[in-house]
Amino acid sequence: MLLALSLGAGCARHGAEAAGVAAEVALASPEGAFLAYEHTLQLQLPGAQIGPRLKALAEACQSAKFGDCAVLQLAQGGGDTASGSIEMRIAPQGVEPIIALASEKGETIRRDTRAEDLAQQVADTRLAQARLRGEHARLGEYQQRRDLAVADLLAISRRLAEIEAALEQAGRDAAQQHRRIDTQKLTIQLDSTSSQRNRSEIGRALGEFGSIFTTSLAYLIRVVAGLLPPLLVAAVLLWGGLKLWRRRRRQQQG
């Protein structure tokens, strides 16, 4: 029985380790597929560590420590509740190592991964490039004819210029598509830990106690000042009414 339990525990540990390894395998677009992966990671760290962590992530990306990488956006907020974010485009094999660097001594709150299928866009771009190249070649051959009128020659030249501009744009589109397929977008959001945020909120509330008290007192004074005149008028009318009622009552009794 002890041997069976030991074997069972060993298998369970092996399964957990295998699952952990599988979770860290870099996702990449399969051969023949055109998938653009995007990752979003939300972490919590002590506020004092957010600035240095952002700097370490930016330096690791810019130095290509984990493969080709480019920083797209970097933001940092200070104050009582520090926060920051970094957005980058990185080679697939570098996603997990840089996430491990970001998560060191931190708490992962949420992680999302999604992929956009660019197969149709890639096919459309390739088709447009093939069509434009074919038209460019035909017009180039036609342009060599010696019996062309000047007007026709000018029209062909204009059309060739338009085709060349369209080919350049299609080339840029193709490069951007392959960039999105060959690299992956990673956004890391760093926030202060919950306990630190709670302490900051208490400290901020204590710091605002004086202003809140004076604002409330000023509001109360305004309310009293606004209600005092009608209350005085009502009191005078009530006093006069009671006095008149007592006089009539005495007359009736007399």
C-alpha atoms as a PDB file:
ATOM      1  CA  MET A   1       0.000   0.000   0.000  1.00  0.00           C
ATOM      2  CA  LEU A   2       2.821   2.436   0.881  1.00  0.00           C
ATOM      3  CA  LEU A   3       4.516   1.644  -2.421  1.00  0.00           C
ATOM      4  CA  ALA A   4       1.299   2.331  -4.306  1.00  0.00           C
ATOM      5  CA  LEU A   5       0.801   5.635  -2.490  1.00  0.00           C
ATOM      6  CA  SER A   6       4.380   6.681  -3.248  1.00  0.00           C
ATOM      7  CA  LEU A   7       3.983   5.839  -6.903  1.00  0.00           C
ATOM      8  CA  GLY A   8       0.691   7.697  -7.002  1.00  0.00           C
ATOM      9  CA  ALA A   9       2.235  10.810  -5.417  1.00  0.00           C
ATOM     10  CA  GLY A  10       5.156  10.631  -7.836  1.00  0.00           C
ATOM     11  CA  CYS A  11       2.788  10.445 -10.785  1.00  0.00           C
ATOM     12  CA  ALA A  12       0.794  13.377  -9.438  1.00  0.00           C
ATOM     13  CA  ARG A  13       3.944  15.485  -9.046  1.00  0.00           C
ATOM     14  CA  HIS A  14       5.081  14.503 -12.530  1.00  0.00           C
ATOM     15  CA  GLY A  15       1.688  15.461 -13.944  1.00  0.00           C
ATOM     16  CA  ALA A  16       1.772  18.852 -12.189  1.00  0.00           C
ATOM     17  CA  GLU A  17       5.293  19.534 -13.458  1.00  0.00           C
ATOM     18  CA  ALA A  18       4.293  18.549 -16.961  1.00  0.00           C
ATOM     19  CA  ALA A  19       1.288  20.859 -16.778  1.00  0.00           C
ATOM     20  CA  GLY A  20       3.530  23.696 -15.600  1.00  0.00           C
ATOM     21  CA  VAL A  21       5.938  23.111 -18.469  1.00  0.00           C
ATOM     22  CA  ALA A  22       3.064  22.975 -20.926  1.00  0.00           C
ATOM     23  CA  ALA A  23       1.736  26.293 -19.612  1.00  0.00           C
ATOM     24  CA  GLU A  24       5.113  27.896 -20.297  1.00  0.00           C
ATOM     25  CA  VAL A  25       5.424  26.636 -23.867  1.00  0.00           C
ATOM     26  CA  ALA A  26       5.548  29.600 -26.233  1.00  0.00           C
ATOM     27  CA  LEU A  27       2.538  29.831 -28.518  1.00  0.00           C
ATOM     28  CA  ALA A  28       3.454  30.449 -32.146  1.00  0.00           C
ATOM     29  CA  SER A  29       1.524  30.470 -35.385  1.00  0.00           C
ATOM     30  CA  PRO A  30       1.666  26.948 -36.906  1.00  0.00           C
ATOM     31  CA  GLU A  31       3.179  26.456 -40.335  1.00  0.00           C
ATOM     32  CA  GLY A  32       0.641  27.465 -42.949  1.00  0.00           C
ATOM     33  CA  ALA A  33      -1.521  29.334 -40.423  1.00  0.00           C
ATOM     34  CA  PHE A  34      -1.434  33.095 -40.038  1.00  0.00           C
ATOM     35  CA  LEU A  35      -2.262  33.784 -36.393  1.00  0.00           C
ATOM     36  CA  ALA A  36      -1.387  37.033 -34.628  1.00  0.00           C
ATOM     37  CA  TYR A  37      -1.127  36.435 -30.869  1.00  0.00           C
ATOM     38  CA  GLU A  38      -1.724  39.073 -28.206  1.00  0.00           C
ATOM     39  CA  HIS A  39      -1.146  38.637 -24.466  1.00  0.00           C
ATOM     40  CA  THR A  40      -2.386  40.757 -21.568  1.00  0.00           C
ATOM     41  CA  LEU A  41      -0.952  40.337 -18.068  1.00  0.00           C
ATOM     42  CA  GLN A  42      -2.093  42.110 -14.894  1.00  0.00           C
ATOM     43  CA  LEU A  43       0.203  41.967 -11.856  1.00  0.00           C
ATOM     44  CA  GLN A  44       0.322  43.380  -8.348  1.00  0.00           C
ATOM     45  CA  LEU A  45       3.599  44.503  -6.768  1.00  0.00           C
ATOM     46  CA  PRO A  46       4.630  46.726  -3.877  1.00  0.00           C
ATOM     47  CA  GLY A  47       4.472  50.286  -5.149  1.00  0.00           C
ATOM     48  CA  ALA A  48       8.198  50.884  -4.618  1.00  0.00           C
ATOM     49  CA  GLN A  49       9.046  48.033  -7.015  1.00  0.00           C
ATOM     50  CA  ILE A  50       6.899  49.153  -9.941  1.00  0.00           C
ATOM     51  CA  GLY A  51       9.297  51.772 -11.319  1.00  0.00           C
ATOM     52  CA  PRO A  52      12.409  49.533 -11.206  1.00  0.00           C
ATOM     53  CA  ARG A  53      10.421  46.625 -12.650  1.00  0.00           C
ATOM     54  CA  LEU A  54       9.230  48.705 -15.602  1.00  0.00           C
ATOM     55  CA  LYS A  55      12.798  49.850 -16.215  1.00  0.00           C
ATOM     56  CA  ALA A  56      14.081  46.252 -16.103  1.00  0.00           C
ATOM     57  CA  LEU A  57      11.400  45.121 -18.568  1.00  0.00           C
ATOM     58  CA  ALA A  58      12.138  47.971 -20.971  1.00  0.00           C
ATOM     59  CA  GLU A  59      15.883  47.301 -20.836  1.00  0.00           C
ATOM     60  CA  ALA A  60      15.388  43.556 -21.362  1.00  0.00           C
ATOM     61  CA  CYS A  61      13.220  44.283 -24.404  1.00  0.00           C
ATOM     62  CA  GLN A  62      15.464  46.927 -25.951  1.00  0.00           C
ATOM     63  CA  SER A  63      18.585  44.808 -25.463  1.00  0.00           C
ATOM     64  CA  ALA A  64      16.866  41.802 -27.116  1.00  0.00           C
ATOM     65  CA  LYS A  65      17.627  39.723 -24.037  1.00  0.00           C
ATOM     66  CA  PHE A  66      14.865  37.271 -24.900  1.00  0.00           C
ATOM     67  CA  GLY A  67      14.844  37.724 -28.672  1.00  0.00           C
ATOM     68  CA  ASP A  68      13.688  40.417 -31.069  1.00  0.00           C
ATOM     69  CA  CYS A  69      11.645  42.967 -29.153  1.00  0.00           C
ATOM     70  CA  ALA A  70      10.402  46.547 -29.454  1.00  0.00           C
ATOM     71  CA  VAL A  71       8.769  48.710 -26.790  1.00  0.00           C
ATOM     72  CA  LEU A  72       5.532  50.196 -28.135  1.00  0.00           C
ATOM     73  CA  GLN A  73       4.315  52.077 -25.079  1.00  0.00           C
ATOM     74  CA  LEU A  74       5.520  52.787 -21.537  1.00  0.00           C
ATOM     75  CA  ALA A  75       3.535  54.572 -18.818  1.00  0.00           C
ATOM     76  CA  GLN A  76       4.016  55.097 -15.099  1.00  0.00           C
ATOM     77  CA  GLY A  77       1.897  56.776 -12.430  1.00  0.00           C
ATOM     78  CA  GLY A  78       3.211  57.861  -9.044  1.00  0.00           C
ATOM     79  CA  GLY A  79       1.520  59.066  -5.888  1.00  0.00           C
ATOM     80  CA  ASP A  80       0.176  56.935  -3.075  1.00  0.00           C
ATOM     81  CA  THR A  81      -0.978  54.150  -5.411  1.00  0.00           C
ATOM     82  CA  ALA A  82       1.808  53.688  -7.945  1.00  0.00           C
ATOM     83  CA  SER A  83       1.030  51.919 -11.201  1.00  0.00           C
ATOM     84  CA  GLY A  84       2.534  51.409 -14.606  1.00  0.00           C
ATOM     85  CA  SER A  85       2.207  49.568 -17.877  1.00  0.00           C
ATOM     86  CA  ILE A  86       4.418  48.495 -20.748  1.00  0.00           C
ATOM     87  CA  GLU A  87       3.414  47.340 -24.207  1.00  0.00           C
ATOM     88  CA  MET A  88       5.844  45.527 -26.456  1.00  0.00           C
ATOM     89  CA  ARG A  89       6.112  43.331 -29.521  1.00  0.00           C
ATOM     90  CA  ILE A  90       8.400  40.373 -28.932  1.00  0.00           C
ATOM     91  CA  ALA A  91       9.466  37.104 -30.562  1.00  0.00           C
ATOM     92  CA  PRO A  92       7.284  34.128 -29.503  1.00  0.00           C
ATOM     93  CA  GLN A  93      10.101  32.409 -27.577  1.00  0.00           C
ATOM     94  CA  GLY A  94      10.618  35.533 -25.470  1.00  0.00           C
ATOM     95  CA  VAL A  95       7.057  35.872 -24.183  1.00  0.00           C
ATOM     96  CA  GLU A  96       7.318  33.474 -21.248  1.00  0.00           C
ATOM     97  CA  PRO A  97      10.801  34.577 -20.067  1.00  0.00           C
ATOM     98  CA  ILE A  98       9.836  38.247 -19.993  1.00  0.00           C
ATOM     99  CA  ILE A  99       6.559  37.394 -18.244  1.00  0.00           C
ATOM    100  CA  ALA A 100       8.600  35.490 -15.640  1.00  0.00           C
ATOM    101  CA  LEU A 101      10.771  38.579 -15.190  1.00  0.00           C
ATOM    102  CA  ALA A 102       7.707  40.783 -14.759  1.00  0.00           C
ATOM    103  CA  SER A 103       6.055  38.356 -12.311  1.00  0.00           C
ATOM    104  CA  GLU A 104       9.053  37.928  -9.997  1.00  0.00           C
ATOM    105  CA  LYS A 105       7.886  38.391  -6.374  1.00  0.00           C
ATOM    106  CA  GLY A 106       4.546  39.635  -7.664  1.00  0.00           C
ATOM    107  CA  GLU A 107       1.002  38.322  -7.781  1.00  0.00           C
ATOM    108  CA  THR A 108      -0.639  37.498 -11.091  1.00  0.00           C
ATOM    109  CA  ILE A 109      -4.197  38.839 -11.086  1.00  0.00           C
ATOM    110  CA  ARG A 110      -5.182  38.009 -14.650  1.00  0.00           C
ATOM    111  CA  ARG A 111      -3.655  36.726 -17.855  1.00  0.00           C
ATOM    112  CA  ASP A 112      -5.364  36.622 -21.236  1.00  0.00           C
ATOM    113  CA  THR A 113      -4.188  35.309 -24.599  1.00  0.00           C
ATOM    114  CA  ARG A 114      -5.998  35.720 -27.886  1.00  0.00           C
ATOM    115  CA  ALA A 115      -5.133  35.155 -31.528  1.00  0.00           C
ATOM    116  CA  GLU A 116      -6.423  36.933 -34.611  1.00  0.00           C
ATOM    117  CA  ASP A 117      -6.566  34.917 -37.822  1.00  0.00           C
ATOM    118  CA  LEU A 118      -4.936  36.964 -40.590  1.00  0.00           C
ATOM    119  CA  ALA A 119      -5.193  34.271 -43.289  1.00  0.00           C
ATOM    120  CA  GLN A 120      -7.780  36.175 -45.337  1.00  0.00           C
ATOM    121  CA  GLN A 121      -5.856  39.448 -45.094  1.00  0.00           C
ATOM    122  CA  VAL A 122      -2.623  37.758 -46.174  1.00  0.00           C
ATOM    123  CA  ALA A 123      -4.381  36.056 -49.098  1.00  0.00           C
ATOM    124  CA  ASP A 124      -5.996  39.326 -50.197  1.00  0.00           C
ATOM    125  CA  THR A 125      -2.669  41.164 -50.056  1.00  0.00           C
ATOM    126  CA  ARG A 126      -0.890  38.479 -52.064  1.00  0.00           C
ATOM    127  CA  LEU A 127      -3.668  38.455 -54.654  1.00  0.00           C
ATOM    128  CA  ALA A 128      -3.505  42.256 -54.957  1.00  0.00           C
ATOM    129  CA  GLN A 129       0.284  42.141 -55.361  1.00  0.00           C
ATOM    130  CA  ALA A 130       0.057  39.468 -58.074  1.00  0.00           C
ATOM    131  CA  ARG A 131      -2.612  41.405 -59.953  1.00  0.00           C
ATOM    132  CA  LEU A 132      -0.666  44.677 -59.760  1.00  0.00           C
ATOM    133  CA  ARG A 133       2.588  43.045 -60.869  1.00  0.00           C
ATOM    134  CA  GLY A 134       0.832  41.428 -63.819  1.00  0.00           C
ATOM    135  CA  GLU A 135      -0.733  44.709 -64.906  1.00  0.00           C
ATOM    136  CA  HIS A 136       2.574  46.503 -64.461  1.00  0.00           C
ATOM    137  CA  ALA A 137       4.352  43.959 -66.678  1.00  0.00           C
ATOM    138  CA  ARG A 138       1.704  44.187 -69.430  1.00  0.00           C
ATOM    139  CA  LEU A 139       1.752  47.973 -69.453  1.00  0.00           C
ATOM    140  CA  GLY A 140       5.541  47.949 -69.490  1.00  0.00           C
ATOM    141  CA  GLU A 141       5.520  45.798 -72.612  1.00  0.00           C
ATOM    142  CA  TYR A 142       2.848  47.944 -74.222  1.00  0.00           C
ATOM    143  CA  GLN A 143       4.871  51.066 -73.411  1.00  0.00           C
ATOM    144  CA  GLN A 144       7.728  49.791 -75.610  1.00  0.00           C
ATOM    145  CA  ARG A 145       5.651  49.977 -78.796  1.00  0.00           C
ATOM    146  CA  ARG A 146       6.847  52.627 -81.221  1.00  0.00           C
ATOM    147  CA  ASP A 147       3.429  53.407 -82.715  1.00  0.00           C
ATOM    148  CA  LEU A 148       1.974  54.802 -79.496  1.00  0.00           C
ATOM    149  CA  ALA A 149       0.462  58.248 -79.516  1.00  0.00           C
ATOM    150  CA  VAL A 150       1.790  60.761 -77.035  1.00  0.00           C
ATOM    151  CA  ALA A 151      -1.539  60.833 -75.168  1.00  0.00           C
ATOM    152  CA  ASP A 152      -1.505  57.029 -74.806  1.00  0.00           C
ATOM    153  CA  LEU A 153       2.096  57.103 -73.627  1.00  0.00           C
ATOM    154  CA  LEU A 154       1.258  59.694 -70.966  1.00  0.00           C
ATOM    155  CA  ALA A 155      -1.790  57.690 -69.817  1.00  0.00           C
ATOM    156  CA  ILE A 156       0.322  54.538 -69.528  1.00  0.00           C
ATOM    157  CA  SER A 157       2.976  56.401 -67.544  1.00  0.00           C
ATOM    158  CA  ARG A 158       0.357  57.726 -65.117  1.00  0.00           C
ATOM    159  CA  ARG A 159      -1.141  54.268 -64.665  1.00  0.00           C
ATOM    160  CA  LEU A 160       2.300  52.745 -64.088  1.00  0.00           C
ATOM    161  CA  ALA A 161       2.983  55.316 -61.379  1.00  0.00           C
ATOM    162  CA  GLU A 162      -0.346  54.472 -59.724  1.00  0.00           C
ATOM    163  CA  ILE A 163       0.458  50.756 -59.842  1.00  0.00           C
ATOM    164  CA  GLU A 164       3.893  51.300 -58.343  1.00  0.00           C
ATOM    165  CA  ALA A 165       2.382  53.331 -55.487  1.00  0.00           C
ATOM    166  CA  ALA A 166      -0.212  50.594 -54.896  1.00  0.00           C
ATOM    167  CA  LEU A 167       2.536  47.949 -54.907  1.00  0.00           C
ATOM    168  CA  GLU A 168       4.472  49.904 -52.279  1.00  0.00           C
ATOM    169  CA  GLN A 169       1.384  50.117 -50.080  1.00  0.00           C
ATOM    170  CA  ALA A 170       0.677  46.411 -50.548  1.00  0.00           C
ATOM    171  CA  GLY A 171       4.273  45.684 -49.602  1.00  0.00           C
ATOM    172  CA  ARG A 172       3.870  47.707 -46.394  1.00  0.00           C
ATOM    173  CA  ASP A 173       0.642  45.862 -45.611  1.00  0.00           C
ATOM    174  CA  ALA A 174       2.329  42.505 -46.154  1.00  0.00           C
ATOM    175  CA  ALA A 175       5.273  43.496 -43.952  1.00  0.00           C
ATOM    176  CA  GLN A 176       2.926  44.596 -41.159  1.00  0.00           C
ATOM    177  CA  GLN A 177       0.938  41.371 -41.399  1.00  0.00           C
ATOM    178  CA  HIS A 178       4.053  39.212 -41.208  1.00  0.00           C
ATOM    179  CA  ARG A 179       5.351  41.340 -38.326  1.00  0.00           C
ATOM    180  CA  ARG A 180       2.169  40.611 -36.399  1.00  0.00           C
ATOM    181  CA  ILE A 181       2.474  36.897 -37.214  1.00  0.00           C
ATOM    182  CA  ASP A 182       6.208  36.530 -36.529  1.00  0.00           C
ATOM    183  CA  THR A 183       6.123  38.534 -33.273  1.00  0.00           C
ATOM    184  CA  GLN A 184       3.560  38.757 -30.495  1.00  0.00           C
ATOM    185  CA  LYS A 185       2.090  41.738 -28.722  1.00  0.00           C
ATOM    186  CA  LEU A 186       2.431  41.709 -24.928  1.00  0.00           C
ATOM    187  CA  THR A 187       0.843  44.228 -22.552  1.00  0.00           C
ATOM    188  CA  ILE A 188       1.829  44.132 -18.870  1.00  0.00           C
ATOM    189  CA  GLN A 189      -0.123  46.164 -16.315  1.00  0.00           C
ATOM    190  CA  LEU A 190       1.507  46.674 -12.897  1.00  0.00           C
ATOM    191  CA  ASP A 191      -0.586  47.852  -9.927  1.00  0.00           C
ATOM    192  CA  SER A 192       0.135  48.368  -6.238  1.00  0.00           C
ATOM    193  CA  THR A 193      -0.807  45.540  -3.890  1.00  0.00           C
ATOM    194  CA  SER A 194      -4.258  45.618  -2.265  1.00  0.00           C
ATOM    195  CA  SER A 195      -2.923  46.234   1.250  1.00  0.00           C
ATOM    196  CA  GLN A 196      -0.886  49.189   0.043  1.00  0.00           C
ATOM    197  CA  ARG A 197      -3.870  50.654  -1.776  1.00  0.00           C
ATOM    198  CA  ASN A 198      -6.007  50.295   1.358  1.00  0.00           C
ATOM    199  CA  ARG A 199      -3.380  52.035   3.489  1.00  0.00           C
ATOM    200  CA  SER A 200      -3.083  54.771   0.907  1.00  0.00           C
ATOM    201  CA  GLU A 201      -6.831  55.290   0.846  1.00  0.00           C
ATOM    202  CA  ILE A 202      -6.944  55.539   4.678  1.00  0.00           C
ATOM    203  CA  GLY A 203      -4.042  57.974   4.682  1.00  0.00           C
ATOM    204  CA  ARG A 204      -5.669  60.023   1.943  1.00  0.00           C
ATOM    205  CA  ALA A 205      -8.954  60.078   3.864  1.00  0.00           C
ATOM    206  CA  LEU A 206      -7.180  61.255   7.025  1.00  0.00           C
ATOM    207  CA  GLY A 207      -5.353  63.898   5.045  1.00  0.00           C
ATOM    208  CA  GLU A 208      -8.659  65.103   3.601  1.00  0.00           C
ATOM    209  CA  PHE A 209     -10.447  65.121   6.981  1.00  0.00           C
ATOM    210  CA  GLY A 210      -9.940  68.858   7.518  1.00  0.00           C
ATOM    211  CA  SER A 211     -11.177  69.884   4.094  1.00  0.00           C
ATOM    212  CA  ILE A 212     -14.155  67.499   4.281  1.00  0.00           C
ATOM    213  CA  PHE A 213     -15.103  68.852   7.743  1.00  0.00           C
ATOM    214  CA  THR A 214     -14.882  72.495   6.681  1.00  0.00           C
ATOM    215  CA  THR A 215     -16.802  71.805   3.469  1.00  0.00           C
ATOM    216  CA  SER A 216     -19.587  70.042   5.397  1.00  0.00           C
ATOM    217  CA  LEU A 217     -19.722  72.814   8.005  1.00  0.00           C
ATOM    218  CA  ALA A 218     -19.893  75.474   5.289  1.00  0.00           C
ATOM    219  CA  TYR A 219     -22.731  73.578   3.619  1.00  0.00           C
ATOM    220  CA  LEU A 220     -24.609  73.350   6.945  1.00  0.00           C
ATOM    221  CA  ILE A 221     -24.158  77.107   7.522  1.00  0.00           C
ATOM    222  CA  ARG A 222     -25.542  77.817   4.056  1.00  0.00           C
ATOM    223  CA  VAL A 223     -28.562  75.586   4.749  1.00  0.00           C
ATOM    224  CA  VAL A 224     -29.260  77.348   8.057  1.00  0.00           C
ATOM    225  CA  ALA A 225     -28.801  80.774   6.456  1.00  0.00           C
ATOM    226  CA  GLY A 226     -31.223  79.795   3.717  1.00  0.00           C
ATOM    227  CA  LEU A 227     -33.881  78.414   6.079  1.00  0.00           C
ATOM    228  CA  LEU A 228     -33.643  81.073   8.808  1.00  0.00           C
ATOM    229  CA  PRO A 229     -35.651  83.885   7.087  1.00  0.00           C
ATOM    230  CA  PRO A 230     -38.711  81.744   6.235  1.00  0.00           C
ATOM    231  CA  LEU A 231     -38.580  80.190   9.723  1.00  0.00           C
ATOM    232  CA  LEU A 232     -38.606  83.675  11.326  1.00  0.00           C
ATOM    233  CA  VAL A 233     -41.532  84.758   9.142  1.00  0.00           C
ATOM    234  CA  ALA A 234     -43.419  81.566  10.009  1.00  0.00           C
ATOM    235  CA  ALA A 235     -42.732  82.122  13.739  1.00  0.00           C
ATOM    236  CA  VAL A 236     -44.025  85.716  13.582  1.00  0.00           C
ATOM    237  CA  LEU A 237     -47.170  84.605  11.728  1.00  0.00           C
ATOM    238  CA  LEU A 238     -47.727  81.790  14.220  1.00  0.00           C
ATOM    239  CA  TRP A 239     -47.288  84.160  17.177  1.00  0.00           C
ATOM    240  CA  GLY A 240     -49.672  86.670  15.668  1.00  0.00           C
ATOM    241  CA  GLY A 241     -52.230  83.977  14.899  1.00  0.00           C
ATOM    242  CA  LEU A 242     -52.084  82.603  18.449  1.00  0.00           C
ATOM    243  CA  LYS A 243     -52.451  86.091  19.926  1.00  0.00           C
ATOM    244  CA  LEU A 244     -55.488  86.831  17.753  1.00  0.00           C
ATOM    245  CA  TRP A 245     -57.068  83.476  18.599  1.00  0.00           C
ATOM    246  CA  ARG A 246     -56.649  84.090  22.386  1.00  0.00           C
ATOM    247  CA  ARG A 247     -58.202  87.577  22.097  1.00  0.00           C
ATOM    248  CA  ARG A 248     -61.270  86.250  20.313  1.00  0.00           C
ATOM    249  CA  ARG A 249     -61.598  83.464  22.856  1.00  0.00           C
ATOM    250  CA  ARG A 250     -61.550  85.938  25.755  1.00  0.00           C
ATOM    251  CA  GLN A 251     -64.183  88.057  24.022  1.00  0.00           C
ATOM    252  CA  GLN A 252     -66.423  85.056  23.535  1.00  0.00           C
ATOM    253  CA  GLN A 253     -66.060  84.041  27.188  1.00  0.00           C
ATOM    254  CA  GLY A 254     -66.698  87.608  28.394  1.00  0.00           C
END
